[in-house]
Amino acid sequence: MYKNRTALLLAGLVAGPVWSQEEVALDPRAELAEYVRYAESHNPKLKQALARYKAALAKVAPARAWAEPRLTYGYFARPVETRTGPQEMRVSAAQTFPWKGKLDLKGQIAQQEAAVEGQRYEAARRSLIFAIKAAYYDYYFLQRAIAVTEENSRLLSYLEEVGRARYRGGTGGYAPVLKAQVELGRLEDQLRSLRQQRRPATARLNAALGRTATAPVAVPDSLPMAASNLGEEVLKARLRAANPTLQVRQAQARAQSLGVELAGKQFYPDLTVSLDYIHIGDRGENPLVAMATINLPLWHSSYEAGKRAAKLSYQAALQGVADEENRLIAELELALYKRRDAQSRSALYQDSLLPKAEQMLNVTQRSFAAGRSDFLAVIDAQRTLLEFQLAYERARTDQAVHGAEIEKLVGKPSTTEEIQP
């Protein structure tokens, strides 16, 4: 899916104009998909990658072209007397024809170099989408952390007021009030820090979009959770088949393979055909001379060295393919582990820890209201609930981020491969 979309995108843009540098307005309520589409058209780094691809494509035709013909003009400062008259000037035209297959190989190498840049463009596009999603999800977590912390701060403020009322009424001590005030101070500091993070979080997302750092962004109240039912072996196969970073290495290896074949062509001569016209006086008959010249590939040791170098470069490229594949597979394994771990943590907090923490807070609040529980127990229960709420949101955010990382490595699954969250 990624490969086909990229091919269509590149096909439409290579011959078209360079993207405008003007910043286009984006709806402040835009969703993630709109952010991605916007970035694909406005991110400077992606524009740079496309320009490099266009430049590489433009080099394919010149690589297949013959060498420029040569035209030589000579004027005899002292005319050479011949039997038919003095030679006054000479005009020569020559064209070199490379050995069969040389130009085709050069064109194929240029095509592979263009393919390298095309895959680098796709890699940059996937990295950009991942950067947008990661920034978007982290901004969502920041908003949720602020909301959860504010809610807990309000609850703790209420508890602190209750504690002060009981202290004034002589039914409670002052130590719980101090404890509540300390916890409130801690939450206020945490809220201050979270709110200050909005500015760099906004700048991070806008940088990926190719916009000014302070442009407004919108993040939903809920985090979309898409899961894939593809097994690990299927994901690894998709990575091997379509990962752009791996495709870059493979295209480089193919170019080196063609370079070995081209180096072998150096043992064969090129042909140069020329035509000489000599002007002899006004009464003489002007001769026309046709000539054929071949270069003599006598320095076999030099050509052998060039071929050995090309073979070694090809072997190095093959090792680079294997090394890149191993690195990417390890990266995929780590991303899969992190997503599984985040899923486990999310399920643990949602199904077990959060309900128990809420139940514990409710029980301690009722016990405290009935005079059967210490005020400090309520504060501890409230702090535990806050920690679990934030940990749950962090786990869900991590799950989404690592899912986007897997998507960057293997490509976005098709509709038939997706399952409902």
Protein backbone atom coordinates (compact mmCIF):
# COMPACT_ATOMS: atom_id res chain seq x y z
CA MET A 1 0.00 0.00 0.00
CA TYR A 2 2.77 2.44 0.93
CA LYS A 3 4.79 1.52 -2.15
CA ASN A 4 1.87 2.02 -4.57
CA ARG A 5 0.88 5.32 -3.00
CA THR A 6 4.43 6.61 -3.08
CA ALA A 7 4.84 5.58 -6.72
CA LEU A 8 1.70 7.53 -7.67
CA LEU A 9 2.78 10.52 -5.60
CA LEU A 10 6.23 10.60 -7.16
CA ALA A 11 4.87 10.08 -10.67
CA GLY A 12 2.66 13.10 -10.25
CA LEU A 13 5.27 15.33 -8.65
CA VAL A 14 8.43 14.60 -10.59
CA ALA A 15 7.25 16.45 -13.67
CA GLY A 16 5.32 19.06 -11.72
CA PRO A 17 6.35 22.29 -10.05
CA VAL A 18 8.25 22.46 -6.79
CA TRP A 19 5.95 22.86 -3.79
CA SER A 20 5.13 26.35 -2.66
CA GLN A 21 7.02 27.68 0.33
CA GLU A 22 3.97 29.58 1.61
CA GLU A 23 2.43 28.32 4.82
CA VAL A 24 -1.12 27.12 4.15
CA ALA A 25 -3.75 27.48 6.84
CA LEU A 26 -4.78 24.28 8.61
CA ASP A 27 -8.04 23.87 10.47
CA PRO A 28 -7.24 24.09 14.21
CA ARG A 29 -9.69 21.21 14.72
CA ALA A 30 -7.89 19.02 12.20
CA GLU A 31 -7.54 15.33 12.97
CA LEU A 32 -4.43 13.18 12.73
CA ALA A 33 -5.05 12.09 9.12
CA GLU A 34 -5.32 15.75 8.05
CA TYR A 35 -2.06 16.53 9.84
CA VAL A 36 -0.34 13.72 7.95
CA ARG A 37 -1.65 14.89 4.58
CA TYR A 38 -0.63 18.46 5.36
CA ALA A 39 2.90 17.40 6.32
CA GLU A 40 3.33 15.36 3.15
CA SER A 41 2.85 18.56 1.16
CA HIS A 42 4.63 21.08 3.38
CA ASN A 43 7.44 19.47 5.37
CA PRO A 44 10.80 20.95 4.18
CA LYS A 45 12.78 17.75 4.75
CA LEU A 46 10.34 15.78 2.62
CA LYS A 47 10.54 18.43 -0.09
CA GLN A 48 14.32 18.06 0.00
CA ALA A 49 14.09 14.29 -0.40
CA LEU A 50 11.73 14.68 -3.37
CA ALA A 51 14.02 17.22 -5.03
CA ARG A 52 16.92 14.78 -4.74
CA TYR A 53 14.81 12.05 -6.30
CA LYS A 54 13.82 14.32 -9.18
CA ALA A 55 17.48 15.24 -9.72
CA ALA A 56 18.48 11.55 -9.80
CA LEU A 57 15.74 10.78 -12.33
CA ALA A 58 16.96 13.60 -14.52
CA LYS A 59 20.40 11.94 -14.71
CA VAL A 60 19.10 8.70 -16.27
CA ALA A 61 18.73 10.02 -19.84
CA PRO A 62 22.19 11.71 -19.93
CA ALA A 63 23.76 8.48 -18.67
CA ARG A 64 22.45 6.63 -21.75
CA ALA A 65 23.43 9.38 -24.22
CA TRP A 66 26.35 9.09 -26.62
CA ALA A 67 29.34 11.32 -26.15
CA GLU A 68 29.04 14.69 -27.87
CA PRO A 69 30.25 14.65 -31.49
CA ARG A 70 33.44 16.60 -32.14
CA LEU A 71 33.89 19.19 -34.87
CA THR A 72 37.39 20.42 -35.72
CA TYR A 73 38.35 23.32 -37.97
CA GLY A 74 41.91 23.90 -39.16
CA TYR A 75 43.31 26.76 -41.23
CA PHE A 76 46.66 26.44 -42.96
CA ALA A 77 48.68 29.55 -42.09
CA ARG A 78 51.04 28.46 -44.82
CA PRO A 79 49.07 26.64 -47.50
CA VAL A 80 50.48 23.25 -48.42
CA GLU A 81 51.09 23.04 -52.14
CA THR A 82 49.83 19.88 -53.79
CA ARG A 83 49.64 18.79 -57.38
CA THR A 84 46.06 19.98 -57.59
CA GLY A 85 46.48 23.18 -55.65
CA PRO A 86 47.22 24.61 -52.16
CA GLN A 87 45.49 23.14 -49.08
CA GLU A 88 43.87 26.11 -47.34
CA MET A 89 41.62 24.71 -44.59
CA ARG A 90 40.41 21.46 -43.04
CA VAL A 91 37.12 20.50 -41.32
CA SER A 92 36.70 17.27 -39.35
CA ALA A 93 33.65 15.71 -37.65
CA ALA A 94 33.93 12.70 -35.33
CA GLN A 95 31.57 10.57 -33.24
CA THR A 96 32.54 7.93 -30.68
CA PHE A 97 30.40 4.79 -30.30
CA PRO A 98 30.95 2.86 -27.06
CA TRP A 99 31.17 -0.92 -27.08
CA LYS A 100 27.79 -2.63 -27.19
CA GLY A 101 26.07 -2.58 -23.79
CA LYS A 102 28.15 0.12 -22.11
CA LEU A 103 25.58 2.89 -22.42
CA ASP A 104 22.73 0.58 -21.44
CA LEU A 105 24.62 -0.42 -18.30
CA LYS A 106 25.31 3.20 -17.44
CA GLY A 107 21.62 3.93 -17.84
CA GLN A 108 20.66 1.02 -15.61
CA ILE A 109 23.11 2.18 -12.96
CA ALA A 110 21.60 5.68 -13.10
CA GLN A 111 18.14 4.11 -12.75
CA GLN A 112 19.24 2.24 -9.63
CA GLU A 113 20.69 5.44 -8.21
CA ALA A 114 17.33 7.11 -8.85
CA ALA A 115 15.63 4.16 -7.16
CA VAL A 116 17.87 4.73 -4.14
CA GLU A 117 16.69 8.33 -3.89
CA GLY A 118 13.09 7.26 -4.41
CA GLN A 119 13.33 4.82 -1.51
CA ARG A 120 15.05 7.48 0.58
CA TYR A 121 12.07 9.70 -0.11
CA GLU A 122 9.72 6.94 1.05
CA ALA A 123 11.85 6.37 4.17
CA ALA A 124 11.72 10.11 4.91
CA ARG A 125 7.95 10.07 4.39
CA ARG A 126 7.45 7.17 6.78
CA SER A 127 9.75 8.75 9.35
CA LEU A 128 7.81 12.00 9.04
CA ILE A 129 4.47 10.24 9.57
CA PHE A 130 5.88 8.47 12.61
CA ALA A 131 7.22 11.76 13.99
CA ILE A 132 3.80 13.38 13.57
CA LYS A 133 1.99 10.48 15.21
CA ALA A 134 4.45 10.26 18.09
CA ALA A 135 4.18 14.01 18.73
CA TYR A 136 0.39 13.85 18.38
CA TYR A 137 0.05 10.94 20.81
CA ASP A 138 2.44 12.50 23.31
CA TYR A 139 0.48 15.75 23.13
CA TYR A 140 -2.67 13.72 23.83
CA PHE A 141 -0.99 12.20 26.91
CA LEU A 142 0.04 15.66 28.07
CA GLN A 143 -3.54 16.90 27.81
CA ARG A 144 -4.87 13.85 29.63
CA ALA A 145 -2.21 14.17 32.34
CA ILE A 146 -3.24 17.79 32.89
CA ALA A 147 -6.94 16.87 33.05
CA VAL A 148 -6.36 13.96 35.45
CA THR A 149 -4.06 16.00 37.68
CA GLU A 150 -6.55 18.90 37.77
CA GLU A 151 -9.35 16.52 38.75
CA ASN A 152 -7.23 15.04 41.54
CA SER A 153 -6.21 18.51 42.67
CA ARG A 154 -9.87 19.49 43.05
CA LEU A 155 -10.56 16.33 45.05
CA LEU A 156 -7.57 16.96 47.29
CA SER A 157 -8.62 20.59 47.81
CA TYR A 158 -12.00 19.35 48.98
CA LEU A 159 -10.35 16.87 51.34
CA GLU A 160 -8.07 19.60 52.70
CA GLU A 161 -11.10 21.76 53.44
CA VAL A 162 -12.78 18.85 55.23
CA GLY A 163 -9.64 18.29 57.28
CA ARG A 164 -9.45 21.95 58.27
CA ALA A 165 -13.14 21.94 59.25
CA ARG A 166 -12.64 18.90 61.44
CA TYR A 167 -9.58 20.44 63.03
CA ARG A 168 -11.49 23.62 63.83
CA GLY A 169 -14.32 21.50 65.26
CA GLY A 170 -11.94 19.57 67.45
CA THR A 171 -12.69 16.21 65.80
CA GLY A 172 -9.42 15.93 63.85
CA GLY A 173 -5.74 16.66 64.09
CA TYR A 174 -3.66 19.20 62.19
CA ALA A 175 -1.15 16.69 60.79
CA PRO A 176 -3.59 15.39 58.10
CA VAL A 177 -4.28 18.99 57.07
CA LEU A 178 -0.55 19.60 56.60
CA LYS A 179 -0.28 16.32 54.68
CA ALA A 180 -3.08 17.43 52.36
CA GLN A 181 -1.46 20.84 51.87
CA VAL A 182 1.87 19.20 51.01
CA GLU A 183 0.15 16.95 48.48
CA LEU A 184 -1.66 19.95 47.02
CA GLY A 185 1.61 21.78 46.64
CA ARG A 186 3.11 18.78 44.89
CA LEU A 187 0.15 18.57 42.49
CA GLU A 188 0.28 22.31 41.77
CA ASP A 189 3.96 22.03 40.89
CA GLN A 190 3.21 19.02 38.71
CA LEU A 191 0.41 20.92 36.97
CA ARG A 192 2.67 23.91 36.39
CA SER A 193 5.28 21.69 34.79
CA LEU A 194 2.70 19.90 32.63
CA ARG A 195 1.16 23.15 31.41
CA GLN A 196 4.58 24.54 30.51
CA GLN A 197 5.19 21.45 28.38
CA ARG A 198 2.37 22.47 26.04
CA ARG A 199 4.55 25.00 24.23
CA PRO A 200 7.43 22.64 23.31
CA ALA A 201 4.93 19.87 22.53
CA THR A 202 3.13 22.20 20.13
CA ALA A 203 6.43 23.28 18.58
CA ARG A 204 7.45 19.62 18.11
CA LEU A 205 4.25 18.79 16.23
CA ASN A 206 4.39 21.96 14.13
CA ALA A 207 8.02 21.29 13.21
CA ALA A 208 6.99 17.97 11.68
CA LEU A 209 4.11 19.70 9.89
CA GLY A 210 6.43 22.34 8.47
CA ARG A 211 4.62 25.19 10.27
CA THR A 212 5.62 27.93 12.68
CA ALA A 213 6.22 26.70 16.21
CA THR A 214 3.29 28.57 17.74
CA ALA A 215 0.58 27.57 15.24
CA PRO A 216 -2.45 26.14 17.08
CA VAL A 217 -2.94 22.38 17.17
CA ALA A 218 -5.86 20.22 18.23
CA VAL A 219 -5.72 16.83 19.91
CA PRO A 220 -8.76 14.60 20.53
CA ASP A 221 -10.11 13.72 23.96
CA SER A 222 -9.80 10.01 23.16
CA LEU A 223 -6.88 8.10 21.70
CA PRO A 224 -7.70 5.96 18.63
CA MET A 225 -6.40 2.44 19.11
CA ALA A 226 -5.95 0.41 15.94
CA ALA A 227 -4.54 -3.08 16.21
CA SER A 228 -3.30 -5.53 13.59
CA ASN A 229 -3.84 -9.25 13.57
CA LEU A 230 -0.71 -9.87 11.51
CA GLY A 231 1.73 -12.33 13.03
CA GLU A 232 5.39 -11.60 13.59
CA GLU A 233 6.55 -13.69 10.62
CA VAL A 234 4.14 -11.89 8.31
CA LEU A 235 5.40 -8.53 9.58
CA LYS A 236 9.00 -9.62 9.05
CA ALA A 237 8.17 -10.72 5.50
CA ARG A 238 6.56 -7.34 4.82
CA LEU A 239 9.63 -5.60 6.21
CA ARG A 240 11.96 -7.59 3.96
CA ALA A 241 9.78 -6.90 0.94
CA ALA A 242 8.98 -3.23 1.32
CA ASN A 243 10.99 -1.47 4.01
CA PRO A 244 12.43 1.59 2.20
CA THR A 245 15.69 1.65 4.16
CA LEU A 246 16.32 -1.97 3.20
CA GLN A 247 15.25 -1.19 -0.37
CA VAL A 248 17.91 1.52 -0.48
CA ARG A 249 20.59 -1.03 0.37
CA GLN A 250 19.25 -3.48 -2.19
CA ALA A 251 19.16 -0.85 -4.93
CA GLN A 252 22.74 0.10 -4.07
CA ALA A 253 23.74 -3.56 -4.33
CA ARG A 254 22.06 -3.85 -7.75
CA ALA A 255 23.93 -0.74 -8.90
CA GLN A 256 27.21 -2.28 -7.73
CA SER A 257 26.37 -5.52 -9.57
CA LEU A 258 25.82 -3.55 -12.76
CA GLY A 259 29.12 -1.78 -12.03
CA VAL A 260 30.91 -5.16 -12.10
CA GLU A 261 29.42 -5.86 -15.51
CA LEU A 262 30.38 -2.40 -16.75
CA ALA A 263 33.93 -2.86 -15.49
CA GLY A 264 34.13 -6.00 -17.63
CA LYS A 265 33.26 -3.94 -20.70
CA GLN A 266 36.46 -1.92 -20.29
CA PHE A 267 38.34 -4.80 -21.94
CA TYR A 268 36.59 -3.98 -25.22
CA PRO A 269 37.41 -1.01 -27.47
CA ASP A 270 35.22 1.95 -28.39
CA LEU A 271 34.82 2.94 -32.04
CA THR A 272 35.25 6.49 -33.32
CA VAL A 273 34.08 7.35 -36.84
CA SER A 274 35.28 10.62 -38.39
CA LEU A 275 34.94 12.49 -41.65
CA ASP A 276 37.60 14.98 -42.89
CA TYR A 277 37.01 17.61 -45.55
CA ILE A 278 40.03 19.48 -47.01
CA HIS A 279 39.59 22.63 -49.08
CA ILE A 280 42.17 23.03 -51.86
CA GLY A 281 42.31 26.37 -53.63
CA ASP A 282 39.71 27.55 -56.10
CA ARG A 283 40.68 25.21 -58.90
CA GLY A 284 41.52 22.11 -56.93
CA GLU A 285 39.32 19.11 -56.20
CA ASN A 286 38.47 19.02 -52.44
CA PRO A 287 39.10 15.58 -50.90
CA LEU A 288 36.75 13.92 -48.40
CA VAL A 289 38.29 11.36 -46.07
CA ALA A 290 36.36 8.85 -43.93
CA MET A 291 38.20 7.25 -41.01
CA ALA A 292 37.50 4.72 -38.25
CA THR A 293 39.49 4.66 -35.01
CA ILE A 294 39.41 2.24 -32.11
CA ASN A 295 41.12 2.64 -28.79
CA LEU A 296 43.39 -0.24 -27.87
CA PRO A 297 42.61 -1.69 -24.39
CA LEU A 298 46.15 -2.90 -23.75
CA TRP A 299 46.49 -2.19 -20.02
CA HIS A 300 44.72 -5.31 -18.81
CA SER A 301 46.19 -5.10 -15.35
CA SER A 302 44.46 -1.75 -14.84
CA TYR A 303 41.13 -3.12 -16.09
CA GLU A 304 41.48 -6.21 -13.89
CA ALA A 305 42.10 -3.99 -10.89
CA GLY A 306 39.00 -1.97 -11.71
CA LYS A 307 36.93 -5.13 -12.04
CA ARG A 308 38.25 -6.49 -8.72
CA ALA A 309 37.39 -3.19 -7.06
CA ALA A 310 33.87 -3.34 -8.52
CA LYS A 311 33.41 -6.92 -7.28
CA LEU A 312 34.60 -5.99 -3.80
CA SER A 313 32.23 -3.02 -3.75
CA TYR A 314 29.39 -5.36 -4.75
CA GLN A 315 30.30 -7.81 -1.99
CA ALA A 316 30.39 -4.94 0.51
CA ALA A 317 26.96 -3.82 -0.69
CA LEU A 318 25.57 -7.34 -0.21
CA GLN A 319 26.93 -7.38 3.34
CA GLY A 320 25.31 -4.00 3.87
CA VAL A 321 21.96 -5.49 2.81
CA ALA A 322 22.33 -8.36 5.28
CA ASP A 323 23.42 -6.03 8.08
CA GLU A 324 20.55 -3.61 7.44
CA GLU A 325 18.03 -6.46 7.39
CA ASN A 326 19.33 -7.80 10.70
CA ARG A 327 19.21 -4.33 12.25
CA LEU A 328 15.67 -3.68 11.06
CA ILE A 329 14.44 -7.10 12.22
CA ALA A 330 15.93 -6.39 15.66
CA GLU A 331 14.26 -2.97 15.63
CA LEU A 332 10.94 -4.59 14.73
CA GLU A 333 11.33 -7.18 17.50
CA LEU A 334 11.94 -4.42 20.03
CA ALA A 335 8.96 -2.38 18.81
CA LEU A 336 6.73 -5.46 18.98
CA TYR A 337 7.92 -6.19 22.52
CA LYS A 338 7.31 -2.61 23.60
CA ARG A 339 3.82 -2.63 22.11
CA ARG A 340 2.98 -5.93 23.81
CA ASP A 341 4.33 -4.58 27.09
CA ALA A 342 2.26 -1.40 26.73
CA GLN A 343 -0.82 -3.47 25.91
CA SER A 344 -0.25 -5.61 29.01
CA ARG A 345 0.21 -2.56 31.22
CA SER A 346 -2.85 -0.88 29.76
CA ALA A 347 -4.98 -3.99 30.35
CA LEU A 348 -3.61 -4.41 33.87
CA TYR A 349 -4.49 -0.86 34.87
CA GLN A 350 -7.85 -0.84 33.09
CA ASP A 351 -9.09 -4.24 34.25
CA SER A 352 -7.50 -4.55 37.69
CA LEU A 353 -5.50 -1.76 39.26
CA LEU A 354 -7.67 1.24 38.39
CA PRO A 355 -10.97 -0.33 39.55
CA LYS A 356 -9.30 -1.44 42.77
CA ALA A 357 -7.75 1.99 43.36
CA GLU A 358 -11.12 3.68 42.77
CA GLN A 359 -12.78 1.18 45.09
CA MET A 360 -10.11 1.75 47.72
CA LEU A 361 -10.60 5.52 47.53
CA ASN A 362 -14.38 5.18 47.82
CA VAL A 363 -14.07 2.82 50.78
CA THR A 364 -11.60 5.05 52.62
CA GLN A 365 -13.76 8.11 51.95
CA ARG A 366 -16.84 6.39 53.39
CA SER A 367 -14.84 5.09 56.35
CA PHE A 368 -13.45 8.55 56.94
CA ALA A 369 -16.93 10.10 56.77
CA ALA A 370 -18.14 7.53 59.31
CA GLY A 371 -15.18 8.20 61.57
CA ARG A 372 -13.71 4.74 61.11
CA SER A 373 -10.70 5.74 59.00
CA ASP A 374 -7.79 8.12 59.27
CA PHE A 375 -7.70 11.16 56.99
CA LEU A 376 -4.21 10.23 55.88
CA ALA A 377 -5.54 6.98 54.43
CA VAL A 378 -7.85 8.96 52.14
CA ILE A 379 -4.94 11.09 50.91
CA ASP A 380 -2.80 7.98 50.27
CA ALA A 381 -5.67 6.34 48.37
CA GLN A 382 -6.17 9.47 46.28
CA ARG A 383 -2.45 9.67 45.46
CA THR A 384 -2.41 5.99 44.44
CA LEU A 385 -5.39 6.54 42.15
CA LEU A 386 -3.66 9.51 40.49
CA GLU A 387 -0.51 7.48 39.88
CA PHE A 388 -2.51 4.63 38.35
CA GLN A 389 -4.53 6.99 36.14
CA LEU A 390 -1.39 8.60 34.76
CA ALA A 391 0.29 5.21 34.31
CA TYR A 392 -2.75 3.94 32.40
CA GLU A 393 -2.73 6.93 30.03
CA ARG A 394 1.03 6.52 29.55
CA ALA A 395 0.59 2.84 28.70
CA ARG A 396 -2.12 3.60 26.13
CA THR A 397 0.02 6.33 24.59
CA ASP A 398 3.05 4.02 24.45
CA GLN A 399 0.92 1.38 22.76
CA ALA A 400 -0.10 3.85 20.05
CA VAL A 401 3.45 5.17 19.58
CA HIS A 402 4.97 1.70 19.22
CA GLY A 403 2.17 0.72 16.86
CA ALA A 404 3.12 3.71 14.68
CA GLU A 405 6.77 2.63 14.88
CA ILE A 406 5.85 -0.85 13.61
CA GLU A 407 3.87 0.78 10.82
CA LYS A 408 6.94 2.82 9.87
CA LEU A 409 9.00 -0.38 9.59
CA VAL A 410 6.56 -2.66 7.73
CA GLY A 411 4.08 -0.28 6.11
CA LYS A 412 0.49 0.53 6.87
CA PRO A 413 -1.78 -2.54 6.83
CA SER A 414 -4.57 -2.67 4.28
CA THR A 415 -8.20 -2.49 5.31
CA THR A 416 -8.56 -6.28 5.19
CA GLU A 417 -5.59 -6.67 7.53
CA GLU A 418 -6.95 -4.36 10.23
CA ILE A 419 -9.13 -5.42 13.10
CA GLN A 420 -11.40 -3.27 15.18
CA PRO A 421 -9.95 -1.78 18.38
